[in-house]
Amino acid sequence: MVMLGRLQLDHFSGGLRVKVQQVWDLAGARCRFGKYLHVVVGDRGPDLQRLVRDFPPRREEIAEGELLHGLKVRMGVRCKADDAAATAELQLGESAKFYPTDAALAAWTAQAGTGSATVVYE
C-alpha cells in the first residue's frame, strides 16, 4: 500500500501523528504518479496486441463519464545495419495504455527481449 498523508505535531501526546488522505495499491500508485512506461526494445519487438489485451487500463465510471486508469507507453527502438545505427523513441497512442500491475510489468519486460521496461516518474 502507498499512502499520501500529512505529518503533524500531536499536541496531546507531544509526539507526531500522520493524517492519511489517500491510499493506493502499488499498481494504482504507479498510475497516479508514473508518467509512462519506457520500453527499450532489444533483439525483437514486443507483441503489443497481446500485452494491451491481457493488461487493459482500469475503467471507472464517474459523474462526467468514464475514466481510464493506466500508463502510456514510449518505446525506444534501435536499428543496426553494417556500419550505421539509428535510434528512435515512439510514443504509442491511447489504445496502448495498460494497467501497471506486477504481472503486466513482468510481461512487458519479458517481451522486450534483451531490452528493458521501466516506469518513468517525473
PDB file of N, CA and C in Angstrom:
ATOM      1  N   MET A   1       0.826  -1.180   0.000  1.00  0.00           N
ATOM      2  CA  MET A   1       0.000   0.000   0.000  1.00  0.00           C
ATOM      3  C   MET A   1       0.875   1.249   0.000  1.00  0.00           C
ATOM      4  N   VAL A   2       0.408   2.254  -0.695  1.00  0.00           N
ATOM      5  CA  VAL A   2       1.077   3.545  -0.733  1.00  0.00           C
ATOM      6  C   VAL A   2       0.088   4.567  -0.186  1.00  0.00           C
ATOM      7  N   MET A   3       0.550   5.374   0.759  1.00  0.00           N
ATOM      8  CA  MET A   3      -0.322   6.351   1.396  1.00  0.00           C
ATOM      9  C   MET A   3       0.194   7.765   1.179  1.00  0.00           C
ATOM     10  N   LEU A   4      -0.744   8.676   1.004  1.00  0.00           N
ATOM     11  CA  LEU A   4      -0.440  10.103   0.941  1.00  0.00           C
ATOM     12  C   LEU A   4      -1.031  10.707   2.197  1.00  0.00           C
ATOM     13  N   GLY A   5      -0.226  11.426   2.942  1.00  0.00           N
ATOM     14  CA  GLY A   5      -0.720  11.981   4.188  1.00  0.00           C
ATOM     15  C   GLY A   5       0.044  13.208   4.605  1.00  0.00           C
ATOM     16  N   ARG A   6      -0.319  13.660   5.802  1.00  0.00           N
ATOM     17  CA  ARG A   6       0.305  14.860   6.343  1.00  0.00           C
ATOM     18  C   ARG A   6       0.853  14.522   7.731  1.00  0.00           C
ATOM     19  N   LEU A   7       2.088  14.879   7.972  1.00  0.00           N
ATOM     20  CA  LEU A   7       2.716  14.690   9.269  1.00  0.00           C
ATOM     21  C   LEU A   7       2.462  15.939  10.095  1.00  0.00           C
ATOM     22  N   GLN A   8       1.877  15.730  11.304  1.00  0.00           N
ATOM     23  CA  GLN A   8       1.524  16.876  12.145  1.00  0.00           C
ATOM     24  C   GLN A   8       2.031  16.654  13.559  1.00  0.00           C
ATOM     25  N   LEU A   9       2.196  17.744  14.287  1.00  0.00           N
ATOM     26  CA  LEU A   9       2.532  17.682  15.697  1.00  0.00           C
ATOM     27  C   LEU A   9       1.268  17.299  16.458  1.00  0.00           C
ATOM     28  N   ASP A  10       1.371  16.303  17.309  1.00  0.00           N
ATOM     29  CA  ASP A  10       0.241  15.884  18.143  1.00  0.00           C
ATOM     30  C   ASP A  10       0.352  16.636  19.469  1.00  0.00           C
ATOM     31  N   HIS A  11      -0.492  17.632  19.657  1.00  0.00           N
ATOM     32  CA  HIS A  11      -0.427  18.475  20.846  1.00  0.00           C
ATOM     33  C   HIS A  11      -0.795  17.705  22.115  1.00  0.00           C
ATOM     34  N   PHE A  12      -1.578  16.635  21.983  1.00  0.00           N
ATOM     35  CA  PHE A  12      -1.987  15.843  23.147  1.00  0.00           C
ATOM     36  C   PHE A  12      -0.821  15.039  23.715  1.00  0.00           C
ATOM     37  N   SER A  13      -0.120  14.313  22.825  1.00  0.00           N
ATOM     38  CA  SER A  13       0.964  13.445  23.300  1.00  0.00           C
ATOM     39  C   SER A  13       2.336  14.106  23.216  1.00  0.00           C
ATOM     40  N   GLY A  14       2.434  15.191  22.475  1.00  0.00           N
ATOM     41  CA  GLY A  14       3.726  15.845  22.291  1.00  0.00           C
ATOM     42  C   GLY A  14       4.563  15.220  21.183  1.00  0.00           C
ATOM     43  N   GLY A  15       4.049  14.154  20.590  1.00  0.00           N
ATOM     44  CA  GLY A  15       4.762  13.476  19.505  1.00  0.00           C
ATOM     45  C   GLY A  15       4.250  13.909  18.141  1.00  0.00           C
ATOM     46  N   LEU A  16       4.393  13.031  17.191  1.00  0.00           N
ATOM     47  CA  LEU A  16       3.935  13.300  15.839  1.00  0.00           C
ATOM     48  C   LEU A  16       2.799  12.350  15.493  1.00  0.00           C
ATOM     49  N   ARG A  17       1.963  12.758  14.560  1.00  0.00           N
ATOM     50  CA  ARG A  17       0.910  11.881  14.051  1.00  0.00           C
ATOM     51  C   ARG A  17       0.815  12.078  12.543  1.00  0.00           C
ATOM     52  N   VAL A  18       0.329  11.047  11.881  1.00  0.00           N
ATOM     53  CA  VAL A  18       0.156  11.084  10.428  1.00  0.00           C
ATOM     54  C   VAL A  18      -1.337  11.063  10.135  1.00  0.00           C
ATOM     55  N   LYS A  19      -1.777  11.998   9.337  1.00  0.00           N
ATOM     56  CA  LYS A  19      -3.168  12.038   8.895  1.00  0.00           C
ATOM     57  C   LYS A  19      -3.191  11.552   7.440  1.00  0.00           C
ATOM     58  N   VAL A  20      -3.725  10.346   7.231  1.00  0.00           N
ATOM     59  CA  VAL A  20      -3.749   9.734   5.903  1.00  0.00           C
ATOM     60  C   VAL A  20      -4.870  10.362   5.080  1.00  0.00           C
ATOM     61  N   GLN A  21      -4.527  10.808   3.858  1.00  0.00           N
ATOM     62  CA  GLN A  21      -5.501  11.450   2.988  1.00  0.00           C
ATOM     63  C   GLN A  21      -5.944  10.549   1.845  1.00  0.00           C
ATOM     64  N   GLN A  22      -5.029   9.732   1.302  1.00  0.00           N
ATOM     65  CA  GLN A  22      -5.367   8.811   0.220  1.00  0.00           C
ATOM     66  C   GLN A  22      -4.521   7.560   0.344  1.00  0.00           C
ATOM     67  N   VAL A  23      -5.079   6.428  -0.138  1.00  0.00           N
ATOM     68  CA  VAL A  23      -4.381   5.149  -0.109  1.00  0.00           C
ATOM     69  C   VAL A  23      -4.544   4.494  -1.478  1.00  0.00           C
ATOM     70  N   TRP A  24      -3.451   3.936  -2.008  1.00  0.00           N
ATOM     71  CA  TRP A  24      -3.476   3.222  -3.275  1.00  0.00           C
ATOM     72  C   TRP A  24      -2.795   1.876  -3.096  1.00  0.00           C
ATOM     73  N   ASP A  25      -3.177   0.908  -3.942  1.00  0.00           N
ATOM     74  CA  ASP A  25      -2.342  -0.286  -4.054  1.00  0.00           C
ATOM     75  C   ASP A  25      -1.160   0.110  -4.931  1.00  0.00           C
ATOM     76  N   LEU A  26      -0.180  -0.769  -5.084  1.00  0.00           N
ATOM     77  CA  LEU A  26       1.043  -0.400  -5.800  1.00  0.00           C
ATOM     78  C   LEU A  26       0.771  -0.041  -7.262  1.00  0.00           C
ATOM     79  N   ALA A  27      -0.079  -0.805  -7.933  1.00  0.00           N
ATOM     80  CA  ALA A  27      -0.396  -0.507  -9.335  1.00  0.00           C
ATOM     81  C   ALA A  27      -1.137   0.823  -9.454  1.00  0.00           C
ATOM     82  N   GLY A  28      -2.038   1.101  -8.531  1.00  0.00           N
ATOM     83  CA  GLY A  28      -2.756   2.377  -8.538  1.00  0.00           C
ATOM     84  C   GLY A  28      -1.818   3.553  -8.316  1.00  0.00           C
ATOM     85  N   ALA A  29      -0.829   3.381  -7.438  1.00  0.00           N
ATOM     86  CA  ALA A  29       0.159   4.441  -7.204  1.00  0.00           C
ATOM     87  C   ALA A  29       1.022   4.658  -8.444  1.00  0.00           C
ATOM     88  N   ARG A  30       1.355   3.564  -9.145  1.00  0.00           N
ATOM     89  CA  ARG A  30       2.118   3.726 -10.397  1.00  0.00           C
ATOM     90  C   ARG A  30       1.316   4.557 -11.399  1.00  0.00           C
ATOM     91  N   CYS A  31       0.001   4.317 -11.470  1.00  0.00           N
ATOM     92  CA  CYS A  31      -0.850   5.097 -12.385  1.00  0.00           C
ATOM     93  C   CYS A  31      -0.910   6.561 -11.960  1.00  0.00           C
ATOM     94  N   ARG A  32      -1.029   6.791 -10.666  1.00  0.00           N
ATOM     95  CA  ARG A  32      -1.194   8.148 -10.154  1.00  0.00           C
ATOM     96  C   ARG A  32       0.077   8.975 -10.316  1.00  0.00           C
ATOM     97  N   PHE A  33       1.234   8.384 -10.038  1.00  0.00           N
ATOM     98  CA  PHE A  33       2.474   9.151 -10.017  1.00  0.00           C
ATOM     99  C   PHE A  33       3.397   8.884 -11.206  1.00  0.00           C
ATOM    100  N   GLY A  34       3.197   7.771 -11.918  1.00  0.00           N
ATOM    101  CA  GLY A  34       4.019   7.468 -13.082  1.00  0.00           C
ATOM    102  C   GLY A  34       3.568   8.266 -14.291  1.00  0.00           C
ATOM    103  N   LYS A  35       4.505   8.612 -15.134  1.00  0.00           N
ATOM    104  CA  LYS A  35       4.188   9.351 -16.361  1.00  0.00           C
ATOM    105  C   LYS A  35       3.976   8.404 -17.542  1.00  0.00           C
ATOM    106  N   TYR A  36       4.850   7.398 -17.672  1.00  0.00           N
ATOM    107  CA  TYR A  36       4.745   6.440 -18.772  1.00  0.00           C
ATOM    108  C   TYR A  36       5.662   5.256 -18.514  1.00  0.00           C
ATOM    109  N   LEU A  37       5.460   4.201 -19.288  1.00  0.00           N
ATOM    110  CA  LEU A  37       6.361   3.054 -19.271  1.00  0.00           C
ATOM    111  C   LEU A  37       7.340   3.231 -20.414  1.00  0.00           C
ATOM    112  N   HIS A  38       8.631   3.199 -20.108  1.00  0.00           N
ATOM    113  CA  HIS A  38       9.656   3.314 -21.150  1.00  0.00           C
ATOM    114  C   HIS A  38      10.175   1.915 -21.463  1.00  0.00           C
ATOM    115  N   VAL A  39       9.961   1.474 -22.682  1.00  0.00           N
ATOM    116  CA  VAL A  39      10.380   0.142 -23.121  1.00  0.00           C
ATOM    117  C   VAL A  39      11.483   0.314 -24.145  1.00  0.00           C
ATOM    118  N   VAL A  40      12.631  -0.260 -23.860  1.00  0.00           N
ATOM    119  CA  VAL A  40      13.721  -0.291 -24.835  1.00  0.00           C
ATOM    120  C   VAL A  40      13.669  -1.666 -25.479  1.00  0.00           C
ATOM    121  N   VAL A  41      13.421  -1.686 -26.768  1.00  0.00           N
ATOM    122  CA  VAL A  41      13.268  -2.943 -27.490  1.00  0.00           C
ATOM    123  C   VAL A  41      14.636  -3.505 -27.800  1.00  0.00           C
ATOM    124  N   GLY A  42      14.818  -4.757 -27.482  1.00  0.00           N
ATOM    125  CA  GLY A  42      16.091  -5.422 -27.734  1.00  0.00           C
ATOM    126  C   GLY A  42      16.111  -6.082 -29.089  1.00  0.00           C
ATOM    127  N   ASP A  43      16.395  -7.366 -29.099  1.00  0.00           N
ATOM    128  CA  ASP A  43      16.556  -8.105 -30.347  1.00  0.00           C
ATOM    129  C   ASP A  43      15.238  -8.396 -31.055  1.00  0.00           C
ATOM    130  N   ARG A  44      14.119  -8.256 -30.365  1.00  0.00           N
ATOM    131  CA  ARG A  44      12.811  -8.466 -31.010  1.00  0.00           C
ATOM    132  C   ARG A  44      11.799  -7.531 -30.367  1.00  0.00           C
ATOM    133  N   GLY A  45      10.790  -7.177 -31.136  1.00  0.00           N
ATOM    134  CA  GLY A  45       9.760  -6.281 -30.637  1.00  0.00           C
ATOM    135  C   GLY A  45       8.697  -7.015 -29.835  1.00  0.00           C
ATOM    136  N   PRO A  46       8.034  -6.324 -28.908  1.00  0.00           N
ATOM    137  CA  PRO A  46       7.004  -6.965 -28.102  1.00  0.00           C
ATOM    138  C   PRO A  46       5.724  -7.209 -28.897  1.00  0.00           C
ATOM    139  N   ASP A  47       4.936  -8.152 -28.433  1.00  0.00           N
ATOM    140  CA  ASP A  47       3.622  -8.431 -29.010  1.00  0.00           C
ATOM    141  C   ASP A  47       2.640  -7.438 -28.384  1.00  0.00           C
ATOM    142  N   LEU A  48       2.531  -6.257 -28.982  1.00  0.00           N
ATOM    143  CA  LEU A  48       1.740  -5.171 -28.413  1.00  0.00           C
ATOM    144  C   LEU A  48       0.270  -5.539 -28.261  1.00  0.00           C
ATOM    145  N   GLN A  49      -0.302  -6.183 -29.260  1.00  0.00           N
ATOM    146  CA  GLN A  49      -1.721  -6.537 -29.190  1.00  0.00           C
ATOM    147  C   GLN A  49      -2.001  -7.439 -28.001  1.00  0.00           C
ATOM    148  N   ARG A  50      -1.150  -8.406 -27.764  1.00  0.00           N
ATOM    149  CA  ARG A  50      -1.354  -9.318 -26.635  1.00  0.00           C
ATOM    150  C   ARG A  50      -1.206  -8.597 -25.304  1.00  0.00           C
ATOM    151  N   LEU A  51      -0.189  -7.761 -25.186  1.00  0.00           N
ATOM    152  CA  LEU A  51       0.036  -7.041 -23.935  1.00  0.00           C
ATOM    153  C   LEU A  51      -1.124  -6.105 -23.604  1.00  0.00           C
ATOM    154  N   VAL A  52      -1.620  -5.392 -24.598  1.00  0.00           N
ATOM    155  CA  VAL A  52      -2.740  -4.476 -24.377  1.00  0.00           C
ATOM    156  C   VAL A  52      -4.016  -5.254 -24.061  1.00  0.00           C
ATOM    157  N   ARG A  53      -4.206  -6.383 -24.713  1.00  0.00           N
ATOM    158  CA  ARG A  53      -5.389  -7.213 -24.460  1.00  0.00           C
ATOM    159  C   ARG A  53      -5.339  -7.839 -23.070  1.00  0.00           C
ATOM    160  N   ASP A  54      -4.177  -8.325 -22.659  1.00  0.00           N
ATOM    161  CA  ASP A  54      -4.048  -9.011 -21.371  1.00  0.00           C
ATOM    162  C   ASP A  54      -4.036  -8.062 -20.171  1.00  0.00           C
ATOM    163  N   PHE A  55      -3.606  -6.809 -20.368  1.00  0.00           N
ATOM    164  CA  PHE A  55      -3.485  -5.859 -19.259  1.00  0.00           C
ATOM    165  C   PHE A  55      -4.113  -4.506 -19.625  1.00  0.00           C
ATOM    166  N   PRO A  56      -5.426  -4.489 -19.875  1.00  0.00           N
ATOM    167  CA  PRO A  56      -6.072  -3.233 -20.279  1.00  0.00           C
ATOM    168  C   PRO A  56      -6.114  -2.230 -19.128  1.00  0.00           C
ATOM    169  N   PRO A  57      -6.314  -0.940 -19.451  1.00  0.00           N
ATOM    170  CA  PRO A  57      -6.452   0.044 -18.377  1.00  0.00           C
ATOM    171  C   PRO A  57      -7.717  -0.235 -17.569  1.00  0.00           C
ATOM    172  N   ARG A  58      -7.711   0.173 -16.320  1.00  0.00           N
ATOM    173  CA  ARG A  58      -8.888   0.015 -15.461  1.00  0.00           C
ATOM    174  C   ARG A  58      -9.874   1.126 -15.790  1.00  0.00           C
ATOM    175  N   ARG A  59     -11.132   0.739 -15.881  1.00  0.00           N
ATOM    176  CA  ARG A  59     -12.191   1.704 -16.186  1.00  0.00           C
ATOM    177  C   ARG A  59     -12.961   2.040 -14.914  1.00  0.00           C
ATOM    178  N   GLU A  60     -13.248   3.347 -14.737  1.00  0.00           N
ATOM    179  CA  GLU A  60     -14.025   3.791 -13.588  1.00  0.00           C
ATOM    180  C   GLU A  60     -15.121   4.722 -14.087  1.00  0.00           C
ATOM    181  N   GLU A  61     -16.352   4.429 -13.673  1.00  0.00           N
ATOM    182  CA  GLU A  61     -17.480   5.282 -14.030  1.00  0.00           C
ATOM    183  C   GLU A  61     -17.565   6.430 -13.026  1.00  0.00           C
ATOM    184  N   ILE A  62     -17.537   7.653 -13.544  1.00  0.00           N
ATOM    185  CA  ILE A  62     -17.697   8.835 -12.702  1.00  0.00           C
ATOM    186  C   ILE A  62     -18.846   9.660 -13.276  1.00  0.00           C
ATOM    187  N   ALA A  63     -19.242  10.706 -12.568  1.00  0.00           N
ATOM    188  CA  ALA A  63     -20.386  11.512 -12.991  1.00  0.00           C
ATOM    189  C   ALA A  63     -20.186  12.114 -14.384  1.00  0.00           C
ATOM    190  N   GLU A  64     -18.949  12.446 -14.723  1.00  0.00           N
ATOM    191  CA  GLU A  64     -18.662  13.076 -16.014  1.00  0.00           C
ATOM    192  C   GLU A  64     -18.492  12.072 -17.145  1.00  0.00           C
ATOM    193  N   GLY A  65     -18.508  10.784 -16.848  1.00  0.00           N
ATOM    194  CA  GLY A  65     -18.316   9.751 -17.877  1.00  0.00           C
ATOM    195  C   GLY A  65     -17.412   8.649 -17.378  1.00  0.00           C
ATOM    196  N   GLU A  66     -16.560   8.176 -18.265  1.00  0.00           N
ATOM    197  CA  GLU A  66     -15.670   7.075 -17.924  1.00  0.00           C
ATOM    198  C   GLU A  66     -14.237   7.576 -17.795  1.00  0.00           C
ATOM    199  N   LEU A  67     -13.537   7.077 -16.765  1.00  0.00           N
ATOM    200  CA  LEU A  67     -12.151   7.444 -16.526  1.00  0.00           C
ATOM    201  C   LEU A  67     -11.297   6.199 -16.679  1.00  0.00           C
ATOM    202  N   LEU A  68     -10.215   6.300 -17.467  1.00  0.00           N
ATOM    203  CA  LEU A  68      -9.295   5.185 -17.653  1.00  0.00           C
ATOM    204  C   LEU A  68      -8.058   5.382 -16.789  1.00  0.00           C
ATOM    205  N   HIS A  69      -7.714   4.360 -16.003  1.00  0.00           N
ATOM    206  CA  HIS A  69      -6.501   4.382 -15.191  1.00  0.00           C
ATOM    207  C   HIS A  69      -5.472   3.481 -15.852  1.00  0.00           C
ATOM    208  N   GLY A  70      -4.381   4.065 -16.305  1.00  0.00           N
ATOM    209  CA  GLY A  70      -3.338   3.297 -16.953  1.00  0.00           C
ATOM    210  C   GLY A  70      -2.167   4.184 -17.311  1.00  0.00           C
ATOM    211  N   LEU A  71      -1.109   3.553 -17.784  1.00  0.00           N
ATOM    212  CA  LEU A  71       0.090   4.275 -18.206  1.00  0.00           C
ATOM    213  C   LEU A  71       0.230   4.232 -19.717  1.00  0.00           C
ATOM    214  N   LYS A  72       0.735   5.326 -20.266  1.00  0.00           N
ATOM    215  CA  LYS A  72       1.100   5.347 -21.675  1.00  0.00           C
ATOM    216  C   LYS A  72       2.415   4.596 -21.850  1.00  0.00           C
ATOM    217  N   VAL A  73       2.746   4.285 -23.101  1.00  0.00           N
ATOM    218  CA  VAL A  73       3.963   3.535 -23.388  1.00  0.00           C
ATOM    219  C   VAL A  73       4.812   4.323 -24.384  1.00  0.00           C
ATOM    220  N   ARG A  74       6.097   4.460 -24.066  1.00  0.00           N
ATOM    221  CA  ARG A  74       7.083   5.012 -25.008  1.00  0.00           C
ATOM    222  C   ARG A  74       8.080   3.900 -25.293  1.00  0.00           C
ATOM    223  N   MET A  75       8.356   3.711 -26.567  1.00  0.00           N
ATOM    224  CA  MET A  75       9.211   2.607 -26.975  1.00  0.00           C
ATOM    225  C   MET A  75      10.473   3.131 -27.651  1.00  0.00           C
ATOM    226  N   GLY A  76      11.610   2.730 -27.124  1.00  0.00           N
ATOM    227  CA  GLY A  76      12.891   3.053 -27.735  1.00  0.00           C
ATOM    228  C   GLY A  76      13.288   1.933 -28.684  1.00  0.00           C
ATOM    229  N   VAL A  77      13.573   2.290 -29.914  1.00  0.00           N
ATOM    230  CA  VAL A  77      13.895   1.296 -30.943  1.00  0.00           C
ATOM    231  C   VAL A  77      15.287   1.580 -31.492  1.00  0.00           C
ATOM    232  N   ARG A  78      16.084   0.521 -31.615  1.00  0.00           N
ATOM    233  CA  ARG A  78      17.428   0.641 -32.189  1.00  0.00           C
ATOM    234  C   ARG A  78      17.501  -0.241 -33.422  1.00  0.00           C
ATOM    235  N   CYS A  79      17.999   0.327 -34.488  1.00  0.00           N
ATOM    236  CA  CYS A  79      18.202  -0.435 -35.721  1.00  0.00           C
ATOM    237  C   CYS A  79      19.682  -0.358 -36.081  1.00  0.00           C
ATOM    238  N   LYS A  80      20.255  -1.518 -36.375  1.00  0.00           N
ATOM    239  CA  LYS A  80      21.672  -1.553 -36.737  1.00  0.00           C
ATOM    240  C   LYS A  80      21.817  -2.170 -38.109  1.00  0.00           C
ATOM    241  N   ALA A  81      22.603  -1.509 -38.916  1.00  0.00           N
ATOM    242  CA  ALA A  81      22.995  -2.058 -40.212  1.00  0.00           C
ATOM    243  C   ALA A  81      24.500  -2.283 -40.138  1.00  0.00           C
ATOM    244  N   ASP A  82      25.115  -2.579 -41.258  1.00  0.00           N
ATOM    245  CA  ASP A  82      26.539  -2.892 -41.264  1.00  0.00           C
ATOM    246  C   ASP A  82      27.385  -1.844 -40.546  1.00  0.00           C
ATOM    247  N   ASP A  83      27.373  -0.625 -41.054  1.00  0.00           N
ATOM    248  CA  ASP A  83      28.218   0.426 -40.483  1.00  0.00           C
ATOM    249  C   ASP A  83      27.407   1.545 -39.844  1.00  0.00           C
ATOM    250  N   ALA A  84      26.113   1.422 -39.812  1.00  0.00           N
ATOM    251  CA  ALA A  84      25.287   2.512 -39.316  1.00  0.00           C
ATOM    252  C   ALA A  84      24.300   2.003 -38.264  1.00  0.00           C
ATOM    253  N   ALA A  85      23.879   2.928 -37.441  1.00  0.00           N
ATOM    254  CA  ALA A  85      22.879   2.602 -36.427  1.00  0.00           C
ATOM    255  C   ALA A  85      21.932   3.789 -36.293  1.00  0.00           C
ATOM    256  N   ALA A  86      20.703   3.503 -35.985  1.00  0.00           N
ATOM    257  CA  ALA A  86      19.709   4.552 -35.789  1.00  0.00           C
ATOM    258  C   ALA A  86      18.886   4.225 -34.553  1.00  0.00           C
ATOM    259  N   THR A  87      18.487   5.268 -33.851  1.00  0.00           N
ATOM    260  CA  THR A  87      17.619   5.080 -32.688  1.00  0.00           C
ATOM    261  C   THR A  87      16.435   6.023 -32.808  1.00  0.00           C
ATOM    262  N   ALA A  88      15.324   5.595 -32.277  1.00  0.00           N
ATOM    263  CA  ALA A  88      14.113   6.423 -32.289  1.00  0.00           C
ATOM    264  C   ALA A  88      13.313   6.104 -31.037  1.00  0.00           C
ATOM    265  N   GLU A  89      12.516   7.068 -30.601  1.00  0.00           N
ATOM    266  CA  GLU A  89      11.607   6.833 -29.490  1.00  0.00           C
ATOM    267  C   GLU A  89      10.200   7.105 -29.989  1.00  0.00           C
ATOM    268  N   LEU A  90       9.332   6.119 -29.830  1.00  0.00           N
ATOM    269  CA  LEU A  90       7.959   6.214 -30.295  1.00  0.00           C
ATOM    270  C   LEU A  90       7.019   6.276 -29.103  1.00  0.00           C
ATOM    271  N   GLN A  91       6.098   7.228 -29.120  1.00  0.00           N
ATOM    272  CA  GLN A  91       5.064   7.239 -28.082  1.00  0.00           C
ATOM    273  C   GLN A  91       3.836   6.584 -28.673  1.00  0.00           C
ATOM    274  N   LEU A  92       3.422   5.477 -28.068  1.00  0.00           N
ATOM    275  CA  LEU A  92       2.264   4.756 -28.559  1.00  0.00           C
ATOM    276  C   LEU A  92       0.991   5.497 -28.168  1.00  0.00           C
ATOM    277  N   GLY A  93      -0.056   5.301 -28.923  1.00  0.00           N
ATOM    278  CA  GLY A  93      -1.310   6.015 -28.710  1.00  0.00           C
ATOM    279  C   GLY A  93      -2.072   5.569 -27.471  1.00  0.00           C
ATOM    280  N   GLU A  94      -3.208   6.203 -27.255  1.00  0.00           N
ATOM    281  CA  GLU A  94      -4.058   5.919 -26.101  1.00  0.00           C
ATOM    282  C   GLU A  94      -4.511   4.461 -26.064  1.00  0.00           C
ATOM    283  N   SER A  95      -4.627   3.836 -27.215  1.00  0.00           N
ATOM    284  CA  SER A  95      -5.088   2.443 -27.251  1.00  0.00           C
ATOM    285  C   SER A  95      -4.039   1.475 -26.694  1.00  0.00           C
ATOM    286  N   ALA A  96      -2.808   1.949 -26.463  1.00  0.00           N
ATOM    287  CA  ALA A  96      -1.755   1.093 -25.907  1.00  0.00           C
ATOM    288  C   ALA A  96      -1.596   1.281 -24.406  1.00  0.00           C
ATOM    289  N   LYS A  97      -2.490   2.063 -23.770  1.00  0.00           N
ATOM    290  CA  LYS A  97      -2.423   2.219 -22.315  1.00  0.00           C
ATOM    291  C   LYS A  97      -2.660   0.877 -21.638  1.00  0.00           C
ATOM    292  N   PHE A  98      -2.026   0.671 -20.488  1.00  0.00           N
ATOM    293  CA  PHE A  98      -2.198  -0.583 -19.755  1.00  0.00           C
ATOM    294  C   PHE A  98      -2.169  -0.284 -18.265  1.00  0.00           C
ATOM    295  N   TYR A  99      -2.723  -1.213 -17.470  1.00  0.00           N
ATOM    296  CA  TYR A  99      -2.733  -1.066 -16.014  1.00  0.00           C
ATOM    297  C   TYR A  99      -1.475  -1.730 -15.463  1.00  0.00           C
ATOM    298  N   PRO A 100      -0.601  -0.978 -14.773  1.00  0.00           N
ATOM    299  CA  PRO A 100       0.743  -1.455 -14.420  1.00  0.00           C
ATOM    300  C   PRO A 100       0.825  -2.343 -13.167  1.00  0.00           C
ATOM    301  N   THR A 101       0.221  -3.506 -13.225  1.00  0.00           N
ATOM    302  CA  THR A 101       0.383  -4.478 -12.145  1.00  0.00           C
ATOM    303  C   THR A 101       1.781  -5.090 -12.242  1.00  0.00           C
ATOM    304  N   ASP A 102       2.177  -5.831 -11.212  1.00  0.00           N
ATOM    305  CA  ASP A 102       3.474  -6.513 -11.247  1.00  0.00           C
ATOM    306  C   ASP A 102       3.524  -7.495 -12.413  1.00  0.00           C
ATOM    307  N   ALA A 103       2.405  -8.208 -12.652  1.00  0.00           N
ATOM    308  CA  ALA A 103       2.359  -9.172 -13.761  1.00  0.00           C
ATOM    309  C   ALA A 103       2.496  -8.463 -15.103  1.00  0.00           C
ATOM    310  N   ALA A 104       1.855  -7.306 -15.245  1.00  0.00           N
ATOM    311  CA  ALA A 104       1.948  -6.552 -16.502  1.00  0.00           C
ATOM    312  C   ALA A 104       3.372  -6.082 -16.756  1.00  0.00           C
ATOM    313  N   LEU A 105       4.032  -5.554 -15.726  1.00  0.00           N
ATOM    314  CA  LEU A 105       5.415  -5.092 -15.894  1.00  0.00           C
ATOM    315  C   LEU A 105       6.352  -6.249 -16.205  1.00  0.00           C
ATOM    316  N   ALA A 106       6.111  -7.405 -15.587  1.00  0.00           N
ATOM    317  CA  ALA A 106       6.928  -8.586 -15.891  1.00  0.00           C
ATOM    318  C   ALA A 106       6.717  -9.019 -17.332  1.00  0.00           C
ATOM    319  N   ALA A 107       5.483  -8.952 -17.818  1.00  0.00           N
ATOM    320  CA  ALA A 107       5.197  -9.331 -19.206  1.00  0.00           C
ATOM    321  C   ALA A 107       5.865  -8.366 -20.186  1.00  0.00           C
ATOM    322  N   TRP A 108       5.785  -7.063 -19.906  1.00  0.00           N
ATOM    323  CA  TRP A 108       6.448  -6.084 -20.777  1.00  0.00           C
ATOM    324  C   TRP A 108       7.960  -6.317 -20.791  1.00  0.00           C
ATOM    325  N   THR A 109       8.545  -6.579 -19.628  1.00  0.00           N
ATOM    326  CA  THR A 109       9.987  -6.827 -19.552  1.00  0.00           C
ATOM    327  C   THR A 109      10.369  -8.079 -20.329  1.00  0.00           C
ATOM    328  N   ALA A 110       9.586  -9.140 -20.183  1.00  0.00           N
ATOM    329  CA  ALA A 110       9.865 -10.381 -20.908  1.00  0.00           C
ATOM    330  C   ALA A 110       9.743 -10.179 -22.420  1.00  0.00           C
ATOM    331  N   GLN A 111       8.772  -9.375 -22.842  1.00  0.00           N
ATOM    332  CA  GLN A 111       8.566  -9.129 -24.267  1.00  0.00           C
ATOM    333  C   GLN A 111       9.624  -8.197 -24.860  1.00  0.00           C
ATOM    334  N   ALA A 112      10.331  -7.452 -24.019  1.00  0.00           N
ATOM    335  CA  ALA A 112      11.338  -6.520 -24.536  1.00  0.00           C
ATOM    336  C   ALA A 112      12.586  -7.222 -25.050  1.00  0.00           C
ATOM    337  N   GLY A 113      12.674  -8.522 -24.838  1.00  0.00           N
ATOM    338  CA  GLY A 113      13.851  -9.265 -25.312  1.00  0.00           C
ATOM    339  C   GLY A 113      15.059  -8.900 -24.482  1.00  0.00           C
ATOM    340  N   THR A 114      16.121  -8.450 -25.140  1.00  0.00           N
ATOM    341  CA  THR A 114      17.325  -8.043 -24.414  1.00  0.00           C
ATOM    342  C   THR A 114      17.236  -6.597 -23.938  1.00  0.00           C
ATOM    343  N   GLY A 115      16.091  -5.962 -24.135  1.00  0.00           N
ATOM    344  CA  GLY A 115      15.898  -4.579 -23.707  1.00  0.00           C
ATOM    345  C   GLY A 115      15.403  -4.490 -22.271  1.00  0.00           C
ATOM    346  N   SER A 116      14.662  -3.434 -21.964  1.00  0.00           N
ATOM    347  CA  SER A 116      14.170  -3.226 -20.601  1.00  0.00           C
ATOM    348  C   SER A 116      12.825  -2.519 -20.635  1.00  0.00           C
ATOM    349  N   ALA A 117      12.122  -2.573 -19.506  1.00  0.00           N
ATOM    350  CA  ALA A 117      10.857  -1.859 -19.352  1.00  0.00           C
ATOM    351  C   ALA A 117      10.812  -1.278 -17.943  1.00  0.00           C
ATOM    352  N   THR A 118      10.733   0.053 -17.851  1.00  0.00           N
ATOM    353  CA  THR A 118      10.718   0.719 -16.552  1.00  0.00           C
ATOM    354  C   THR A 118       9.670   1.827 -16.533  1.00  0.00           C
ATOM    355  N   VAL A 119       9.046   2.009 -15.376  1.00  0.00           N
ATOM    356  CA  VAL A 119       8.095   3.110 -15.196  1.00  0.00           C
ATOM    357  C   VAL A 119       8.901   4.371 -14.941  1.00  0.00           C
ATOM    358  N   VAL A 120       8.547   5.451 -15.645  1.00  0.00           N
ATOM    359  CA  VAL A 120       9.237   6.740 -15.501  1.00  0.00           C
ATOM    360  C   VAL A 120       8.351   7.653 -14.668  1.00  0.00           C
ATOM    361  N   TYR A 121       8.948   8.202 -13.611  1.00  0.00           N
ATOM    362  CA  TYR A 121       8.269   9.166 -12.738  1.00  0.00           C
ATOM    363  C   TYR A 121       8.977  10.505 -12.908  1.00  0.00           C
ATOM    364  N   GLU A 122       8.227  11.554 -13.242  1.00  0.00           N
ATOM    365  CA  GLU A 122       8.869  12.866 -13.404  1.00  0.00           C
ATOM    366  C   GLU A 122       8.265  13.845 -12.444  1.00  0.00           C
TER     367      GLU A 122
END
